[in-house]
Amino acid sequence: MTVELEKFEKLEAKIKSIVEEKVSLKKQIKTLEDTLKSKEADLEKLNGKIKVLDEERNSVRARVDSLLELIADVDSAK
């Protein structure tokens, strides 16, 4: 009976170890999911900033083109 009891104790220890590892992995997954959500939010903000900067750049480019046309018109009028 002692041998069987030892086998059950070993089995119990292994099961406890597996359960503890599962709990630990669930915590790690939760932490990684939270980190991912945070990084996705950061990425969304940065993409928004890039869009605004692209719009500003296009606006500046249009204004510069307009000014260059004015200069060209002045030069051709001479």
Protein backbone atom coordinates (compact mmCIF):
# COMPACT_ATOMS: atom_id res chain seq x y z
CA MET A 1 0.00 0.00 0.00
CA THR A 2 2.93 2.33 0.59
CA VAL A 3 4.05 2.03 -3.05
CA GLU A 4 0.56 2.95 -4.28
CA LEU A 5 0.44 5.90 -1.90
CA GLU A 6 3.77 7.13 -3.22
CA LYS A 7 2.47 6.87 -6.80
CA PHE A 8 -0.61 8.89 -5.87
CA GLU A 9 1.54 11.51 -4.14
CA LYS A 10 3.74 11.80 -7.23
CA LEU A 11 0.64 12.08 -9.43
CA GLU A 12 -0.83 14.70 -7.10
CA ALA A 13 2.41 16.70 -7.19
CA LYS A 14 2.50 16.56 -10.99
CA ILE A 15 -1.13 17.67 -11.25
CA LYS A 16 -0.51 20.56 -8.83
CA SER A 17 2.54 21.57 -10.87
CA ILE A 18 0.51 21.52 -14.08
CA VAL A 19 -2.27 23.58 -12.51
CA GLU A 20 0.21 26.13 -11.17
CA GLU A 21 1.86 26.36 -14.59
CA LYS A 22 -1.54 26.86 -16.23
CA VAL A 23 -2.36 29.69 -13.81
CA SER A 24 1.03 31.28 -14.48
CA LEU A 25 0.57 30.99 -18.24
CA LYS A 26 -2.89 32.54 -18.03
CA LYS A 27 -1.40 35.51 -16.14
CA GLN A 28 1.32 35.85 -18.78
CA ILE A 29 -1.25 35.71 -21.56
CA LYS A 30 -3.32 38.42 -19.87
CA THR A 31 -0.23 40.61 -19.49
CA LEU A 32 0.72 40.08 -23.13
CA GLU A 33 -2.83 40.82 -24.29
CA ASP A 34 -2.85 44.06 -22.28
CA THR A 35 0.53 45.03 -23.73
CA LEU A 36 -0.72 44.26 -27.24
CA LYS A 37 -3.82 46.41 -26.74
CA SER A 38 -1.65 49.25 -25.49
CA LYS A 39 0.72 48.97 -28.45
CA GLU A 40 -2.22 48.83 -30.87
CA ALA A 41 -3.58 52.04 -29.33
CA ASP A 42 -0.15 53.67 -29.64
CA LEU A 43 0.06 52.56 -33.25
CA GLU A 44 -3.39 53.98 -33.97
CA LYS A 45 -2.36 57.34 -32.48
CA LEU A 46 0.86 57.38 -34.50
CA ASN A 47 -1.00 56.52 -37.70
CA GLY A 48 -3.31 59.45 -36.99
CA LYS A 49 -0.34 61.75 -36.54
CA ILE A 50 1.19 60.50 -39.78
CA LYS A 51 -2.07 61.20 -41.59
CA VAL A 52 -2.16 64.76 -40.22
CA LEU A 53 1.48 65.33 -41.17
CA ASP A 54 0.85 63.98 -44.68
CA GLU A 55 -2.09 66.35 -45.07
CA GLU A 56 0.02 69.26 -43.85
CA ARG A 57 2.83 68.32 -46.22
CA ASN A 58 0.42 68.12 -49.15
CA SER A 59 -1.02 71.52 -48.21
CA VAL A 60 2.45 73.07 -48.01
CA ARG A 61 3.37 71.47 -51.33
CA ALA A 62 0.26 72.92 -52.97
CA ARG A 63 1.04 76.38 -51.58
CA VAL A 64 4.65 76.19 -52.75
CA ASP A 65 3.51 75.08 -56.22
CA SER A 66 1.08 78.01 -56.30
CA LEU A 67 3.84 80.44 -55.33
CA LEU A 68 6.16 78.98 -57.94
CA GLU A 69 3.45 79.47 -60.56
CA LEU A 70 3.09 83.10 -59.47
CA ILE A 71 6.82 83.59 -59.79
CA ALA A 72 6.77 81.95 -63.21
CA ASP A 73 3.92 84.25 -64.27
CA VAL A 74 5.88 87.32 -63.12
CA ASP A 75 8.96 86.11 -64.98
CA SER A 76 6.98 85.48 -68.18
CA ALA A 77 5.34 88.92 -67.98
CA LYS A 78 8.71 90.68 -68.17
